[in-house]
N, C-alpha and C. Protein backbone atom coordinates (compact mmCIF):
# COMPACT_ATOMS: atom_id res chain seq x y z
N UNK A 1 90.27 19.14 26.58
CA UNK A 1 89.96 20.45 25.79
C UNK A 1 90.70 21.51 25.20
N UNK A 2 90.59 21.23 24.59
CA UNK A 2 90.98 22.57 23.82
C UNK A 2 90.44 24.04 23.76
N UNK A 3 91.05 25.06 23.64
CA UNK A 3 90.12 26.24 24.14
C UNK A 3 90.41 27.07 22.67
N UNK A 4 88.80 27.57 22.50
CA UNK A 4 88.12 27.79 21.41
C UNK A 4 88.87 29.04 20.95
N UNK A 5 89.29 29.69 20.02
CA UNK A 5 89.03 30.71 19.41
C UNK A 5 87.63 31.80 19.46
N UNK A 6 87.94 32.82 19.70
CA UNK A 6 86.19 33.72 18.95
C UNK A 6 85.49 33.52 17.84
N UNK A 7 86.79 33.56 16.90
CA UNK A 7 85.98 33.59 15.34
C UNK A 7 85.42 32.19 15.26
N UNK A 8 86.31 31.13 15.98
CA UNK A 8 86.01 28.96 15.67
C UNK A 8 84.59 29.06 16.57
N UNK A 9 84.89 29.85 17.72
CA UNK A 9 82.91 30.05 17.99
C UNK A 9 82.45 30.77 17.49
N UNK A 10 81.67 31.72 16.82
CA UNK A 10 81.47 31.73 16.02
C UNK A 10 80.93 31.52 14.55
N UNK A 11 82.16 30.89 13.83
CA UNK A 11 81.82 30.17 12.84
C UNK A 11 80.51 28.48 13.44
N UNK A 12 81.22 28.83 14.13
CA UNK A 12 80.27 27.18 14.91
C UNK A 12 78.70 27.36 15.14
N UNK A 13 78.84 28.61 15.98
CA UNK A 13 77.54 28.78 16.09
C UNK A 13 76.62 29.68 15.12
N UNK A 14 76.42 30.28 13.69
CA UNK A 14 76.16 30.43 12.68
C UNK A 14 76.05 28.77 11.56
N UNK A 15 77.27 27.93 12.25
CA UNK A 15 76.81 26.24 10.97
C UNK A 15 76.00 26.20 12.33
N UNK A 16 75.23 25.98 13.40
CA UNK A 16 74.36 25.85 13.61
C UNK A 16 73.69 26.19 13.83
N UNK A 17 72.97 27.44 13.70
CA UNK A 17 72.26 28.17 13.22
C UNK A 17 71.23 27.73 11.72
N UNK A 18 71.99 27.68 11.05
CA UNK A 18 71.85 27.29 9.73
C UNK A 18 71.73 25.91 9.75
N UNK A 19 71.26 25.40 10.34
CA UNK A 19 71.43 23.83 10.62
C UNK A 19 69.68 23.05 10.87
N UNK A 20 69.81 24.08 11.91
CA UNK A 20 68.49 24.08 12.64
C UNK A 20 68.93 23.32 14.15
N UNK A 21 69.68 23.11 15.04
CA UNK A 21 70.01 22.74 15.82
C UNK A 21 69.89 23.35 16.62
N UNK A 22 69.99 24.87 16.53
CA UNK A 22 69.20 25.86 17.87
C UNK A 22 68.57 26.17 17.94
N UNK A 23 67.40 26.26 18.68
CA UNK A 23 66.38 26.79 18.58
C UNK A 23 65.50 28.31 19.30
N UNK A 24 65.23 28.62 18.39
CA UNK A 24 64.82 30.49 19.02
C UNK A 24 63.46 29.83 19.57
N UNK A 25 63.30 30.50 20.21
CA UNK A 25 61.44 30.84 20.70
C UNK A 25 60.63 31.97 19.61
N UNK A 26 59.69 31.23 19.94
CA UNK A 26 59.02 31.62 18.74
C UNK A 26 57.98 32.67 19.38
N UNK A 27 58.49 34.31 19.10
CA UNK A 27 57.50 35.31 19.23
C UNK A 27 57.81 36.40 18.20
N UNK A 28 56.14 37.13 18.03
CA UNK A 28 56.83 38.10 17.43
C UNK A 28 57.04 39.66 16.98
N UNK A 29 57.42 39.80 16.29
CA UNK A 29 57.93 40.94 16.17
C UNK A 29 57.07 42.46 16.19
N UNK A 30 56.70 42.85 16.07
CA UNK A 30 55.60 44.50 15.76
C UNK A 30 56.62 45.14 14.69
N UNK A 31 56.45 45.50 13.99
CA UNK A 31 56.88 45.92 12.42
C UNK A 31 56.68 47.57 12.49
N UNK A 32 57.30 48.71 12.88
CA UNK A 32 57.16 50.07 11.96
C UNK A 32 56.95 50.29 13.84
N UNK A 33 57.24 51.54 14.50
CA UNK A 33 57.50 52.67 14.98
C UNK A 33 56.00 52.74 15.65
N UNK A 34 55.60 52.39 17.11
CA UNK A 34 54.54 52.28 17.46
C UNK A 34 54.04 54.17 17.80
N UNK A 35 55.08 55.22 17.75
CA UNK A 35 55.03 56.65 18.26
C UNK A 35 54.32 57.38 17.05
N UNK A 36 54.55 56.31 15.74
CA UNK A 36 54.21 56.80 14.80
C UNK A 36 53.06 55.46 13.62
N UNK A 37 51.96 56.67 13.57
CA UNK A 37 50.48 56.01 12.99
C UNK A 37 50.84 55.72 11.89
N UNK A 38 50.60 54.49 10.43
CA UNK A 38 50.71 54.64 9.59
C UNK A 38 50.14 55.48 8.53
N UNK A 39 50.18 55.75 7.22
CA UNK A 39 50.10 56.88 6.99
C UNK A 39 48.35 56.49 6.49
N UNK A 40 47.97 55.28 6.35
CA UNK A 40 46.39 54.70 6.42
C UNK A 40 45.45 54.83 7.17
N UNK A 41 45.94 54.72 8.78
CA UNK A 41 45.34 54.48 9.75
C UNK A 41 45.33 56.40 10.41
N UNK A 42 45.69 56.72 10.18
CA UNK A 42 45.62 57.87 10.14
C UNK A 42 44.64 58.67 9.06
N UNK A 43 44.48 58.54 7.91
CA UNK A 43 43.65 58.83 7.24
C UNK A 43 42.45 58.19 7.07
N UNK A 44 42.22 57.36 7.72
CA UNK A 44 40.79 56.15 7.88
C UNK A 44 40.48 56.78 9.83
N UNK A 45 40.99 57.17 10.13
CA UNK A 45 41.14 58.37 11.48
C UNK A 45 40.16 59.73 11.25
N UNK A 46 41.17 60.26 10.42
CA UNK A 46 40.72 61.94 10.32
C UNK A 46 39.68 62.10 8.99
N UNK A 47 39.90 60.85 7.92
CA UNK A 47 38.93 61.12 6.94
C UNK A 47 37.25 61.59 7.57
N UNK A 48 36.53 60.85 8.04
CA UNK A 48 35.08 60.91 8.37
C UNK A 48 35.15 62.47 9.46
N UNK A 49 36.22 62.62 10.04
CA UNK A 49 36.10 63.65 10.55
C UNK A 49 36.10 65.30 9.67
N UNK A 50 36.87 64.63 8.80
CA UNK A 50 36.95 65.88 7.42
C UNK A 50 35.83 65.52 6.82
N UNK A 51 35.07 64.93 6.76
CA UNK A 51 33.78 65.04 5.48
C UNK A 51 32.94 65.35 6.23
N UNK A 52 32.46 65.19 7.36
CA UNK A 52 31.75 65.57 8.41
C UNK A 52 31.65 67.55 8.83
N UNK A 53 32.60 67.33 8.59
CA UNK A 53 33.30 69.13 8.88
C UNK A 53 32.96 69.75 6.92
N UNK A 54 33.49 68.89 6.22
CA UNK A 54 32.60 69.54 4.66
C UNK A 54 31.73 69.74 4.50
N UNK A 55 30.91 68.94 4.93
CA UNK A 55 29.33 68.39 4.46
C UNK A 55 29.08 70.18 5.78
N UNK A 56 29.08 70.00 6.60
CA UNK A 56 28.89 71.01 7.96
C UNK A 56 29.08 72.54 6.53
N UNK A 57 30.10 72.71 5.76
CA UNK A 57 30.25 74.09 5.58
C UNK A 57 29.44 74.03 4.44
N UNK A 58 29.09 73.16 3.67
CA UNK A 58 28.37 72.89 2.33
C UNK A 58 27.05 72.82 2.66
N UNK A 59 26.75 72.29 4.14
CA UNK A 59 24.69 72.91 4.24
C UNK A 59 24.89 74.95 4.75
N UNK A 60 25.98 74.96 5.27
CA UNK A 60 25.36 76.10 5.40
C UNK A 60 25.50 77.62 4.34
N UNK A 61 26.45 76.69 4.02
CA UNK A 61 26.44 77.46 2.35
C UNK A 61 25.28 77.66 1.54
N UNK A 62 24.69 76.46 1.05
CA UNK A 62 23.10 76.34 1.20
C UNK A 62 22.32 77.30 1.67
N UNK A 63 22.03 77.08 3.02
CA UNK A 63 20.85 77.34 3.53
C UNK A 63 21.48 79.29 3.07
N UNK A 64 22.58 79.28 2.85
CA UNK A 64 22.78 81.10 2.71
C UNK A 64 22.45 81.31 1.48
N UNK A 65 22.62 80.80 0.31
CA UNK A 65 21.94 80.39 -0.93
C UNK A 65 20.56 81.18 -1.53
N UNK A 66 19.86 80.39 -0.71
CA UNK A 66 17.88 80.75 -0.33
C UNK A 66 17.34 79.66 -0.88
N UNK A 67 16.29 79.72 -0.61
CA UNK A 67 15.80 77.95 -1.48
C UNK A 67 15.54 78.03 -3.03
N UNK A 68 15.72 78.78 -3.55
CA UNK A 68 14.97 78.89 -5.09
C UNK A 68 16.29 78.85 -5.65
N UNK A 69 17.47 79.24 -5.14
CA UNK A 69 18.47 79.41 -6.41
C UNK A 69 18.41 78.04 -6.38
N UNK A 70 19.54 78.25 -8.44
CA UNK A 70 20.04 77.02 -8.43
C UNK A 70 21.71 76.85 -7.82
N UNK A 71 22.11 75.61 -8.15
CA UNK A 71 23.33 75.55 -7.96
C UNK A 71 24.30 75.58 -8.52
N UNK A 72 25.08 76.04 -8.85
CA UNK A 72 26.52 76.42 -10.05
C UNK A 72 26.98 74.94 -9.82
N UNK A 73 27.12 74.52 -11.46
CA UNK A 73 27.43 72.91 -11.45
C UNK A 73 28.52 72.45 -11.02
N UNK A 74 29.57 73.14 -10.27
CA UNK A 74 30.63 72.76 -9.43
C UNK A 74 30.08 72.37 -8.06
N UNK A 75 29.43 73.52 -7.83
CA UNK A 75 28.95 73.08 -6.50
C UNK A 75 27.78 72.10 -6.52
N UNK A 76 26.86 71.45 -7.31
CA UNK A 76 26.53 70.52 -8.27
C UNK A 76 27.03 68.72 -7.59
N UNK A 77 28.47 69.76 -8.30
CA UNK A 77 29.46 67.91 -8.79
C UNK A 77 30.41 68.10 -7.48
N UNK A 78 30.49 69.10 -6.46
CA UNK A 78 31.04 68.89 -5.40
C UNK A 78 29.62 67.97 -4.34
N UNK A 79 28.98 68.56 -4.08
CA UNK A 79 27.61 67.96 -3.18
C UNK A 79 27.71 66.45 -3.37
N UNK A 80 27.51 66.04 -4.60
CA UNK A 80 28.12 65.00 -5.16
C UNK A 80 28.70 63.99 -4.93
N UNK A 81 29.76 64.50 -4.81
CA UNK A 81 30.92 63.66 -4.34
C UNK A 81 31.02 63.77 -2.86
N UNK A 82 30.56 64.54 -1.85
CA UNK A 82 30.51 64.75 -0.67
C UNK A 82 29.85 63.34 -0.52
N UNK A 83 28.39 63.61 -0.92
CA UNK A 83 27.82 62.25 -0.76
C UNK A 83 28.11 61.17 -1.00
N UNK A 84 28.79 60.87 -1.95
CA UNK A 84 29.12 59.41 -2.16
C UNK A 84 29.94 58.92 -1.21
N UNK A 85 31.17 59.92 -0.58
CA UNK A 85 32.27 60.05 0.66
C UNK A 85 31.53 59.38 1.76
N UNK A 86 30.07 60.24 2.18
CA UNK A 86 29.63 59.84 3.47
C UNK A 86 28.80 59.16 3.62
N UNK A 87 28.21 57.98 2.42
CA UNK A 87 27.86 56.66 2.53
C UNK A 87 28.78 55.76 2.19
N UNK A 88 29.82 55.92 1.48
CA UNK A 88 30.71 54.78 1.75
C UNK A 88 31.37 55.20 3.44
N UNK A 89 31.71 56.44 3.45
CA UNK A 89 32.28 55.94 5.28
C UNK A 89 31.28 55.24 6.04
N UNK A 90 29.89 55.65 5.93
CA UNK A 90 29.03 55.14 6.38
C UNK A 90 27.48 55.96 7.20
N UNK A 91 28.12 57.61 6.84
CA UNK A 91 27.44 58.43 7.21
C UNK A 91 26.10 58.41 6.31
N UNK A 92 25.03 59.31 6.75
CA UNK A 92 24.27 59.28 5.86
C UNK A 92 23.07 59.25 4.78
N UNK A 93 22.31 58.28 5.62
CA UNK A 93 21.17 57.64 5.47
C UNK A 93 20.56 58.18 4.76
N UNK A 94 20.51 57.35 3.32
CA UNK A 94 18.82 58.14 2.34
C UNK A 94 17.35 57.55 2.57
N UNK A 95 17.38 58.71 2.06
CA UNK A 95 15.72 58.58 2.90
C UNK A 95 14.94 58.04 1.53
N UNK A 96 13.76 58.71 1.96
CA UNK A 96 12.20 58.31 0.70
C UNK A 96 12.25 59.80 -0.16
N UNK A 97 12.23 59.55 -0.86
CA UNK A 97 11.40 61.13 -1.50
C UNK A 97 10.58 61.31 -1.26
């Protein structure tokens, strides 16, 4: 047998890989860095917490305003959006009036 040069060995290896004669074990690789969470994952974790804090702040502000004082248009819009977001996330069931 003749000795093969490293360049020839590399070419032979690449040819075998291209033609499928080399079998590789089937493994799954995890993409991304496990130390850094994805942006969407962080959003899904922190969104309910932020909604709860916002709703607590809004409720405390409503109590200070008094029972018969009509809320400003901006406050009503913010309350509406906050309620919709809470229901989307799964909190705050609506009761009958």
